[in-house]
Amino acid sequence: MLIASAFGCTVRRLTADEFADDRVLSEPVLVAAASAPPPLEALDALTVRVVSASSADSMLYSQFGRGAAPAEPQRFAAFAANASGMVFSFGDEAETSPVEAVMPSGLAAQAARVLERASLAAGDECAQSQPWHTPLVSAGGRRTGLRLHQHGAAWLYLLSGAKRWWLAHPESDLFDEPSRAEAVALASVSDEAQWPPPGAAPLCSVEQRPGELLFVPAMWFHATRNTGGGLTLGVGAQTVLSSLPREAALAEVSALHRAFPRCARLEAYLLEGEERPTRASAARLAALVRRDPWHLPARLTLLRHSLAAGGGAGSGAALEVAADLEAHVRRLVEQHAALTPLDARFVLGAAAEQLHEAARARLAPRARGALSESATALFLGSARLQDTARSLLVGAGERGADGAALPTQHRAAWLEAVTRMASSSYAGGAQQAVRECVRALRAMPPHEGDDAASEARAVAEKLARALGSRERR
């Protein structure tokens, strides 16, 4: 039975028996598998690793893990209690039984087999032989959700609440026109006046109710909004290619690219997996970033390729890429509220680490002499990215005293950003910047929930000693 369709996008309703057929599903399906209310206490034993909505959607999703945001483990009860915002988690690889316990008998195993058959790559080494390695849990209050994003095949079984889905074929022209692309990338699903975004005609829509399972094939665009009152809670699994051996992941992306040649992000993912960047690969990535500037993993891959293709001498092109990334991330946080400061810190920190390591590689032959201009520029570029991350974590705080203005949940990230900023500044010879870091670290106030202040003071004293030693030479 067809329940929603538009411009080549369809969602079909299947019974549990029809879902059990040995078929390869190439379109989204909604499976009716209602049962008695599930024993949600069975999930209490599940360890979840929570990421924010902006980490889980199109901004940060990466096939090979280079752009995936970190997540802290916690118990399910604490995870589900956060109904005011959207939280999303990949569970522990070994903990699948709690998820199976809250689903109708046999449905989880059948959904796992569907994920196995969803692989397009040939050969035993490419098979999704252990799809339960990526169980997931999704929870959120009313009108929370995720912007449009793509990833490997996935399914979600709804336990409570209600969830509206919007879907589109992988080769839909959602991002072909710049004005439409920006609307699609940045529109908030929580704002009914913005969503669906203007011009997103290929989207089709369906609402999922408790007791229903939705299967989404690989690389289908999808966005979600929780529409039920109270907590909307679902469990499921997703094919995450970064959990596979690298060659298997590359084979799967290559097969998907052959199946969907007009899906631009698949080309970016192929280049993400490329271990030997060239000027040609950097140029192609630059073109992909111009077409889809909101996909941050492609920008990080472009930076890596630019650094490698530039060789030991040049750093100008890579620094331009880094500066463009910095400005873009700042706009996403400050103007569009499309990225959280913590996620911005992760992205900028990843870019800063690339610059710092490239500078160290250029430094090695000159260990006993003066810094090369290239190494100095890269060290200072790394420090600048960390400084921007620091300022975004603080918000309106003033440098030198911003540790006191920090939101509690930003303290650890701020400490890491300032520490790494100081390290790159010191390596680049920017001693005044290091002194400012020392003052900021010493001023960080204590908090009963962590040891960040004492760690900050220890780092500050170490930096002060290093500065003193350098000045006495």
Protein backbone atom coordinates (compact mmCIF):
# COMPACT_ATOMS: atom_id res chain seq x y z
CA MET A 1 0.00 0.00 0.00
CA LEU A 2 1.40 3.42 -1.01
CA ILE A 3 1.06 5.92 1.82
CA ALA A 4 3.06 8.92 0.58
CA SER A 5 4.62 9.87 -2.71
CA ALA A 6 6.05 12.88 -4.51
CA PHE A 7 8.45 13.31 -7.42
CA GLY A 8 9.71 9.72 -7.47
CA CYS A 9 9.86 9.31 -3.70
CA THR A 10 7.60 6.65 -2.21
CA VAL A 11 7.10 5.10 1.20
CA ARG A 12 5.25 1.78 1.24
CA ARG A 13 3.47 0.13 4.16
CA LEU A 14 4.33 -3.52 4.77
CA THR A 15 3.08 -6.05 7.25
CA ALA A 16 5.61 -7.77 9.48
CA ASP A 17 5.24 -10.92 7.34
CA GLU A 18 5.90 -8.98 4.13
CA PHE A 19 8.95 -7.39 5.75
CA ALA A 20 10.21 -10.90 6.52
CA ASP A 21 10.40 -11.81 2.82
CA ASP A 22 13.95 -12.18 1.50
CA ARG A 23 13.82 -9.07 -0.62
CA VAL A 24 16.31 -6.26 -1.16
CA LEU A 25 14.53 -3.02 -0.32
CA SER A 26 15.42 -0.11 -2.59
CA GLU A 27 12.80 2.30 -1.25
CA PRO A 28 11.78 3.35 2.27
CA VAL A 29 9.14 1.15 3.90
CA LEU A 30 6.98 1.52 7.00
CA VAL A 31 6.33 -1.77 8.79
CA ALA A 32 3.30 -2.20 11.04
CA ALA A 33 4.38 -4.45 13.89
CA ALA A 34 2.34 -3.25 16.86
CA SER A 35 2.59 -5.22 20.09
CA ALA A 36 2.00 -4.80 23.81
CA PRO A 37 3.65 -1.78 25.48
CA PRO A 38 7.38 -2.54 25.64
CA PRO A 39 9.24 -3.00 28.95
CA LEU A 40 11.31 0.16 28.68
CA GLU A 41 13.16 -0.67 31.88
CA ALA A 42 15.04 -3.25 29.79
CA LEU A 43 16.89 -0.33 28.20
CA ASP A 44 18.31 0.79 31.55
CA ALA A 45 21.25 -1.57 31.02
CA LEU A 46 22.11 -0.01 27.66
CA THR A 47 25.15 2.26 27.52
CA VAL A 48 24.55 5.08 25.05
CA ARG A 49 26.97 7.58 23.56
CA VAL A 50 25.11 10.81 23.05
CA VAL A 51 25.74 13.30 20.28
CA SER A 52 23.87 16.52 19.61
CA ALA A 53 21.43 17.03 16.79
CA SER A 54 23.94 19.06 14.77
CA SER A 55 26.48 16.23 15.10
CA ALA A 56 24.03 13.66 13.81
CA ASP A 57 22.69 15.55 10.83
CA SER A 58 24.20 16.65 7.53
CA MET A 59 26.71 19.07 9.05
CA LEU A 60 29.02 16.50 10.60
CA TYR A 61 28.19 13.06 9.27
CA SER A 62 31.26 11.25 7.92
CA GLN A 63 31.51 7.83 6.30
CA PHE A 64 35.05 7.19 7.52
CA GLY A 65 34.91 8.73 10.95
CA ARG A 66 37.21 11.69 10.25
CA GLY A 67 34.45 14.18 10.95
CA ALA A 68 32.35 12.27 13.46
CA ALA A 69 31.88 14.18 16.71
CA PRO A 70 32.91 12.52 19.98
CA ALA A 71 30.28 11.39 22.44
CA GLU A 72 30.38 10.70 26.16
CA PRO A 73 28.94 7.37 27.39
CA GLN A 74 26.05 7.42 29.82
CA ARG A 75 23.22 5.18 30.96
CA PHE A 76 19.93 5.13 29.11
CA ALA A 77 17.93 6.58 32.01
CA ALA A 78 19.96 9.81 31.96
CA PHE A 79 19.77 9.91 28.17
CA ALA A 80 15.97 9.54 28.00
CA ALA A 81 15.40 12.13 30.73
CA ASN A 82 16.57 14.90 28.39
CA ALA A 83 13.22 15.36 26.67
CA SER A 84 13.64 19.11 26.19
CA GLY A 85 16.13 18.70 23.34
CA MET A 86 17.06 16.17 20.69
CA VAL A 87 19.57 13.52 21.68
CA PHE A 88 20.87 10.76 19.46
CA SER A 89 23.17 7.90 20.35
CA PHE A 90 25.01 4.97 18.94
CA GLY A 91 24.97 2.20 21.52
CA ASP A 92 27.80 -0.02 22.61
CA GLU A 93 28.67 -2.68 20.05
CA ALA A 94 28.25 -5.49 22.57
CA GLU A 95 24.90 -4.36 23.99
CA THR A 96 22.13 -5.40 21.63
CA SER A 97 19.91 -7.52 23.87
CA PRO A 98 18.26 -4.51 25.60
CA VAL A 99 17.19 -3.18 22.20
CA GLU A 100 15.82 -6.57 21.15
CA ALA A 101 13.94 -6.84 24.46
CA VAL A 102 11.74 -3.81 23.73
CA MET A 103 10.73 -4.97 20.23
CA PRO A 104 8.27 -7.61 19.00
CA SER A 105 9.76 -11.09 18.89
CA GLY A 106 11.89 -11.66 15.82
CA LEU A 107 11.51 -8.15 14.38
CA ALA A 108 14.98 -6.97 15.41
CA ALA A 109 16.62 -10.03 13.85
CA GLN A 110 14.65 -9.53 10.63
CA ALA A 111 15.63 -5.86 10.50
CA ALA A 112 19.26 -6.91 10.96
CA ARG A 113 18.96 -9.23 7.95
CA VAL A 114 17.50 -6.38 5.91
CA LEU A 115 20.61 -4.32 6.72
CA GLU A 116 22.82 -7.21 5.62
CA ARG A 117 21.04 -7.39 2.26
CA ALA A 118 21.26 -3.61 1.87
CA SER A 119 25.00 -3.82 1.10
CA LEU A 120 25.69 -3.16 -2.58
CA ALA A 121 29.34 -4.26 -2.61
CA ALA A 122 30.17 -7.80 -3.71
CA GLY A 123 32.38 -10.20 -1.80
CA ASP A 124 32.39 -11.63 1.70
CA GLU A 125 34.84 -9.01 2.92
CA CYS A 126 32.28 -6.28 2.15
CA ALA A 127 29.22 -7.90 3.69
CA GLN A 128 27.52 -6.17 6.60
CA SER A 129 27.99 -9.34 8.64
CA GLN A 130 27.48 -7.70 12.03
CA PRO A 131 24.91 -4.93 11.56
CA TRP A 132 24.20 -4.81 15.29
CA HIS A 133 27.57 -3.17 15.74
CA THR A 134 25.72 0.13 15.37
CA PRO A 135 22.54 -0.02 17.45
CA LEU A 136 21.05 3.42 17.98
CA VAL A 137 18.65 5.20 20.29
CA SER A 138 16.83 8.43 19.46
CA ALA A 139 14.91 10.52 22.00
CA GLY A 140 13.54 14.03 22.10
CA GLY A 141 10.69 16.29 23.06
CA ARG A 142 8.04 17.72 20.78
CA ARG A 143 9.28 19.59 17.66
CA THR A 144 12.87 18.40 18.01
CA GLY A 145 14.54 16.54 15.18
CA LEU A 146 17.32 16.36 12.59
CA ARG A 147 17.90 18.35 9.42
CA LEU A 148 18.27 16.54 6.09
CA HIS A 149 21.16 14.10 6.09
CA GLN A 150 22.37 10.89 4.41
CA HIS A 151 24.16 7.77 5.61
CA GLY A 152 24.18 4.00 5.29
CA ALA A 153 21.00 1.93 5.43
CA ALA A 154 19.14 2.23 8.73
CA TRP A 155 15.92 1.40 10.52
CA LEU A 156 14.11 2.82 13.54
CA TYR A 157 11.38 1.19 15.63
CA LEU A 158 9.24 3.71 17.52
CA LEU A 159 8.46 2.99 21.17
CA SER A 160 6.62 6.16 22.19
CA GLY A 161 5.47 9.51 20.83
CA ALA A 162 5.24 10.21 17.09
CA LYS A 163 7.80 11.15 14.43
CA ARG A 164 7.33 12.91 11.09
CA TRP A 165 9.79 11.89 8.36
CA TRP A 166 10.68 13.67 5.12
CA LEU A 167 12.59 11.62 2.55
CA ALA A 168 14.08 12.02 -0.93
CA HIS A 169 15.93 9.83 -3.42
CA PRO A 170 19.77 10.00 -3.20
CA GLU A 171 19.96 11.71 -6.61
CA SER A 172 17.29 14.32 -5.90
CA ASP A 173 18.30 17.83 -6.96
CA LEU A 174 17.87 19.27 -3.47
CA PHE A 175 21.27 20.99 -3.56
CA ASP A 176 21.53 21.90 -7.25
CA GLU A 177 20.50 25.56 -6.93
CA PRO A 178 22.49 27.72 -4.44
CA SER A 179 19.47 29.52 -2.96
CA ARG A 180 17.55 26.28 -2.52
CA ALA A 181 20.62 24.48 -1.17
CA GLU A 182 21.09 26.99 1.64
CA ALA A 183 17.42 26.76 2.60
CA VAL A 184 17.56 22.96 2.65
CA ALA A 185 20.83 22.78 4.60
CA LEU A 186 19.98 25.33 7.29
CA ALA A 187 16.20 25.14 7.75
CA SER A 188 15.25 24.08 11.27
CA VAL A 189 12.84 21.16 11.42
CA SER A 190 11.52 22.52 14.73
CA ASP A 191 10.19 25.62 12.95
CA GLU A 192 7.06 24.71 11.02
CA ALA A 193 7.25 28.02 9.14
CA GLN A 194 10.67 27.04 7.73
CA TRP A 195 10.11 23.36 7.13
CA PRO A 196 9.86 21.86 4.58
CA PRO A 197 12.21 24.46 3.09
CA PRO A 198 11.23 26.37 -0.05
CA GLY A 199 11.91 24.48 -3.26
CA ALA A 200 12.40 21.09 -1.61
CA ALA A 201 9.81 19.57 -3.94
CA PRO A 202 11.29 16.04 -4.19
CA LEU A 203 10.58 15.37 -0.50
CA CYS A 204 7.87 12.92 0.49
CA SER A 205 6.52 12.65 4.02
CA VAL A 206 5.11 10.07 6.42
CA GLU A 207 4.33 10.01 10.15
CA GLN A 208 5.56 7.09 12.24
CA ARG A 209 3.58 5.85 15.24
CA PRO A 210 4.55 3.58 18.16
CA GLY A 211 4.82 -0.04 17.08
CA GLU A 212 5.95 0.88 13.56
CA LEU A 213 9.38 0.37 12.03
CA LEU A 214 10.72 2.61 9.26
CA PHE A 215 13.50 1.33 7.01
CA VAL A 216 15.59 3.92 5.10
CA PRO A 217 17.88 2.60 2.31
CA ALA A 218 21.47 3.76 2.01
CA MET A 219 22.05 7.41 1.08
CA TRP A 220 18.38 8.40 1.00
CA PHE A 221 17.97 11.95 2.24
CA HIS A 222 15.83 12.14 5.36
CA ALA A 223 14.88 14.63 8.06
CA THR A 224 12.78 14.07 11.17
CA ARG A 225 10.63 16.03 13.61
CA ASN A 226 9.16 14.59 16.80
CA THR A 227 5.44 15.40 16.76
CA GLY A 228 4.10 13.53 19.79
CA GLY A 229 3.56 14.97 23.23
CA GLY A 230 6.20 14.16 25.85
CA LEU A 231 9.14 11.96 24.92
CA THR A 232 9.41 10.45 21.44
CA LEU A 233 11.67 7.43 21.77
CA GLY A 234 12.92 4.97 19.17
CA VAL A 235 15.53 2.21 18.86
CA GLY A 236 17.15 0.83 15.76
CA ALA A 237 20.40 0.25 13.91
CA GLN A 238 22.43 1.93 11.20
CA THR A 239 25.17 0.85 8.81
CA VAL A 240 28.15 3.01 9.76
CA LEU A 241 30.90 2.45 7.24
CA SER A 242 33.61 3.66 9.61
CA SER A 243 32.89 0.55 11.71
CA LEU A 244 33.90 -1.68 8.78
CA PRO A 245 37.44 -2.47 7.64
CA ARG A 246 38.68 0.39 5.47
CA GLU A 247 38.73 -1.62 2.23
CA ALA A 248 35.20 -2.86 2.84
CA ALA A 249 33.99 0.67 3.51
CA LEU A 250 35.63 1.95 0.32
CA ALA A 251 34.11 -0.90 -1.68
CA GLU A 252 30.65 -0.08 -0.33
CA VAL A 253 30.99 3.63 -1.10
CA SER A 254 32.24 2.80 -4.60
CA ALA A 255 29.24 0.54 -5.18
CA LEU A 256 26.87 3.23 -3.93
CA HIS A 257 28.55 5.79 -6.20
CA ARG A 258 28.00 3.52 -9.19
CA ALA A 259 24.36 3.09 -8.20
CA PHE A 260 23.83 6.83 -7.58
CA PRO A 261 26.36 8.69 -9.78
CA ARG A 262 24.59 12.04 -9.28
CA CYS A 263 24.87 11.87 -5.48
CA ALA A 264 27.67 14.40 -4.93
CA ARG A 265 28.45 13.47 -1.33
CA LEU A 266 29.38 9.94 -2.35
CA GLU A 267 32.24 11.36 -4.41
CA ALA A 268 33.33 13.37 -1.37
CA TYR A 269 33.24 10.19 0.72
CA LEU A 270 35.40 8.37 -1.83
CA LEU A 271 37.96 11.16 -1.63
CA GLU A 272 37.71 11.08 2.16
CA GLY A 273 38.92 7.49 2.00
CA GLU A 274 41.79 8.35 -0.35
CA GLU A 275 45.10 7.98 1.48
CA ARG A 276 47.31 9.59 -1.20
CA PRO A 277 45.95 13.07 -1.96
CA THR A 278 47.01 14.92 -5.10
CA ARG A 279 46.49 18.41 -6.46
CA ALA A 280 43.77 16.98 -8.70
CA SER A 281 41.93 15.45 -5.73
CA ALA A 282 42.24 18.74 -3.82
CA ALA A 283 40.83 20.63 -6.81
CA ARG A 284 37.91 18.22 -7.11
CA LEU A 285 37.15 18.51 -3.39
CA ALA A 286 37.24 22.30 -3.66
CA ALA A 287 34.58 22.07 -6.38
CA LEU A 288 32.45 19.76 -4.22
CA VAL A 289 32.74 22.15 -1.27
CA ARG A 290 31.64 25.06 -3.44
CA ARG A 291 28.58 23.05 -4.45
CA ASP A 292 27.76 21.85 -0.91
CA PRO A 293 29.52 24.14 1.58
CA TRP A 294 27.53 22.89 4.59
CA HIS A 295 29.03 19.39 4.63
CA LEU A 296 31.88 19.83 7.11
CA PRO A 297 33.61 16.44 6.64
CA ALA A 298 34.25 17.38 3.00
CA ARG A 299 35.87 20.63 4.17
CA LEU A 300 38.12 18.74 6.59
CA THR A 301 39.04 16.32 3.80
CA LEU A 302 39.82 19.26 1.52
CA LEU A 303 42.17 20.65 4.17
CA ARG A 304 43.98 17.31 4.44
CA HIS A 305 44.35 17.04 0.67
CA SER A 306 45.51 20.67 0.38
CA LEU A 307 48.21 20.14 3.00
CA ALA A 308 49.42 16.94 1.35
CA ALA A 309 49.27 18.27 -2.20
CA GLY A 310 51.13 21.44 -1.22
CA GLY A 311 54.23 19.48 -0.28
CA GLY A 312 56.79 20.58 2.23
CA ALA A 313 57.13 24.13 1.02
CA GLY A 314 53.79 25.75 0.44
CA SER A 315 51.07 26.32 3.01
CA GLY A 316 49.10 29.19 1.49
CA ALA A 317 46.34 27.13 -0.13
CA ALA A 318 45.78 25.06 3.00
CA LEU A 319 45.64 28.16 5.19
CA GLU A 320 43.03 29.66 2.86
CA VAL A 321 40.96 26.48 3.21
CA ALA A 322 41.33 26.66 7.00
CA ALA A 323 40.34 30.34 7.10
CA ASP A 324 37.27 29.64 4.98
CA LEU A 325 36.31 26.76 7.28
CA GLU A 326 36.78 28.99 10.33
CA ALA A 327 34.53 31.73 8.93
CA HIS A 328 31.92 29.19 7.84
CA VAL A 329 31.78 27.49 11.24
CA ARG A 330 31.51 30.84 13.01
CA ARG A 331 28.56 31.79 10.79
CA LEU A 332 26.87 28.47 11.47
CA VAL A 333 27.09 29.07 15.23
CA GLU A 334 26.52 32.82 15.49
CA GLN A 335 24.18 33.63 12.60
CA HIS A 336 22.25 30.46 11.86
CA ALA A 337 22.38 28.55 15.18
CA ALA A 338 22.89 25.50 12.97
CA LEU A 339 25.87 24.14 14.92
CA THR A 340 26.47 23.94 18.66
CA PRO A 341 29.62 25.53 20.13
CA LEU A 342 30.80 22.09 21.27
CA ASP A 343 30.47 20.68 17.77
CA ALA A 344 32.16 23.79 16.36
CA ARG A 345 35.02 23.21 18.79
CA PHE A 346 35.37 19.64 17.52
CA VAL A 347 35.47 20.69 13.86
CA LEU A 348 37.87 23.58 14.42
CA GLY A 349 40.00 21.42 16.71
CA ALA A 350 40.25 18.72 14.03
CA ALA A 351 41.35 21.32 11.47
CA ALA A 352 43.80 22.89 13.93
CA GLU A 353 45.35 19.50 14.62
CA GLN A 354 45.91 18.99 10.89
CA LEU A 355 47.73 22.33 10.64
CA HIS A 356 49.78 21.67 13.77
CA GLU A 357 50.93 18.24 12.59
CA ALA A 358 51.76 19.59 9.13
CA ALA A 359 53.85 22.32 10.78
CA ARG A 360 55.70 19.75 12.87
CA ALA A 361 56.47 17.75 9.73
CA ARG A 362 57.98 20.85 8.14
CA LEU A 363 59.88 21.60 11.35
CA ALA A 364 61.72 18.28 11.60
CA PRO A 365 64.56 19.04 9.14
CA ARG A 366 65.16 22.39 10.90
CA ALA A 367 64.97 21.21 14.48
CA ARG A 368 68.16 23.07 15.43
CA GLY A 369 67.54 26.18 13.36
CA ALA A 370 64.98 28.88 12.81
CA LEU A 371 61.40 28.04 11.93
CA SER A 372 60.57 28.09 8.26
CA GLU A 373 57.96 30.62 7.18
CA SER A 374 55.67 27.75 6.20
CA ALA A 375 55.90 26.04 9.60
CA THR A 376 55.40 29.31 11.45
CA ALA A 377 52.31 30.15 9.40
CA LEU A 378 50.82 26.70 10.01
CA PHE A 379 51.45 26.82 13.77
CA LEU A 380 49.85 30.25 14.02
CA GLY A 381 46.97 29.16 11.79
CA SER A 382 46.37 26.25 14.15
CA ALA A 383 46.40 28.61 17.14
CA ARG A 384 43.89 30.90 15.46
CA LEU A 385 41.43 28.05 14.89
CA GLN A 386 41.69 27.05 18.55
CA ASP A 387 41.17 30.68 19.58
CA THR A 388 38.00 30.86 17.50
CA ALA A 389 36.78 27.63 19.09
CA ARG A 390 37.50 29.14 22.52
CA SER A 391 35.54 32.29 21.74
CA LEU A 392 32.54 30.34 20.44
CA LEU A 393 32.47 28.24 23.61
CA VAL A 394 32.44 31.39 25.74
CA GLY A 395 30.03 33.44 23.65
CA ALA A 396 30.34 37.06 24.83
CA GLY A 397 33.25 36.43 27.21
CA GLU A 398 36.39 38.56 27.14
CA ARG A 399 39.77 37.00 26.43
CA GLY A 400 41.82 36.57 29.59
CA ALA A 401 38.75 36.28 31.81
CA ASP A 402 36.54 34.05 29.72
CA GLY A 403 37.01 30.98 31.92
CA ALA A 404 34.64 32.58 34.42
CA ALA A 405 31.93 33.12 31.80
CA LEU A 406 31.85 29.53 30.56
CA PRO A 407 28.70 27.41 30.53
CA THR A 408 29.39 24.39 32.71
CA GLN A 409 29.15 21.90 29.84
CA HIS A 410 31.82 23.83 27.90
CA ARG A 411 34.55 23.83 30.56
CA ALA A 412 36.48 20.74 29.44
CA ALA A 413 36.35 21.73 25.77
CA TRP A 414 37.47 25.29 26.60
CA LEU A 415 40.42 23.97 28.60
CA GLU A 416 41.50 21.76 25.71
CA ALA A 417 41.12 24.58 23.17
CA VAL A 418 43.18 27.05 25.22
CA THR A 419 45.85 24.43 25.98
CA ARG A 420 46.24 23.54 22.32
CA MET A 421 46.14 27.19 21.31
CA ALA A 422 49.01 27.84 23.70
CA SER A 423 50.98 24.87 22.34
CA SER A 424 50.67 26.04 18.74
CA SER A 425 51.38 29.66 19.70
CA TYR A 426 54.51 28.62 21.58
CA ALA A 427 55.72 26.51 18.66
CA GLY A 428 55.08 29.42 16.30
CA GLY A 429 56.97 31.90 18.45
CA ALA A 430 53.90 33.96 19.47
CA GLN A 431 54.93 34.48 23.08
CA GLN A 432 52.37 37.20 23.84
CA ALA A 433 49.57 34.85 22.83
CA VAL A 434 51.00 32.22 25.19
CA ARG A 435 51.00 34.76 28.05
CA GLU A 436 47.34 35.49 27.38
CA CYS A 437 46.60 31.77 27.53
CA VAL A 438 48.44 31.53 30.85
CA ARG A 439 46.35 34.37 32.30
CA ALA A 440 43.11 32.80 31.09
CA LEU A 441 44.03 29.39 32.48
CA ARG A 442 44.98 30.82 35.88
CA ALA A 443 41.67 32.71 36.04
CA MET A 444 39.48 29.65 35.47
CA PRO A 445 37.26 29.33 38.56
CA PRO A 446 36.73 25.99 40.30
CA HIS A 447 33.52 24.03 39.87
CA GLU A 448 32.25 21.24 42.09
CA GLY A 449 31.47 19.05 39.09
CA ASP A 450 35.00 18.76 37.65
CA ASP A 451 38.74 19.25 38.17
CA ALA A 452 39.15 21.55 35.17
CA ALA A 453 40.34 24.53 37.24
CA SER A 454 43.18 22.61 38.89
CA GLU A 455 44.14 21.12 35.51
CA ALA A 456 44.10 24.62 34.01
CA ARG A 457 46.42 25.95 36.72
CA ALA A 458 48.83 23.05 36.20
CA VAL A 459 48.93 23.73 32.45
CA ALA A 460 49.41 27.46 33.12
CA GLU A 461 52.41 26.86 35.37
CA LYS A 462 54.00 24.51 32.84
CA LEU A 463 53.56 27.12 30.11
CA ALA A 464 54.95 29.87 32.34
CA ARG A 465 58.07 27.82 33.06
CA ALA A 466 58.56 27.13 29.35
CA LEU A 467 58.24 30.84 28.56
CA GLY A 468 60.71 31.74 31.28
CA SER A 469 63.21 29.20 30.01
CA ARG A 470 62.90 30.51 26.46
CA GLU A 471 63.34 34.13 27.54
CA ARG A 472 66.51 33.30 29.53
CA ARG A 473 68.24 31.79 26.51
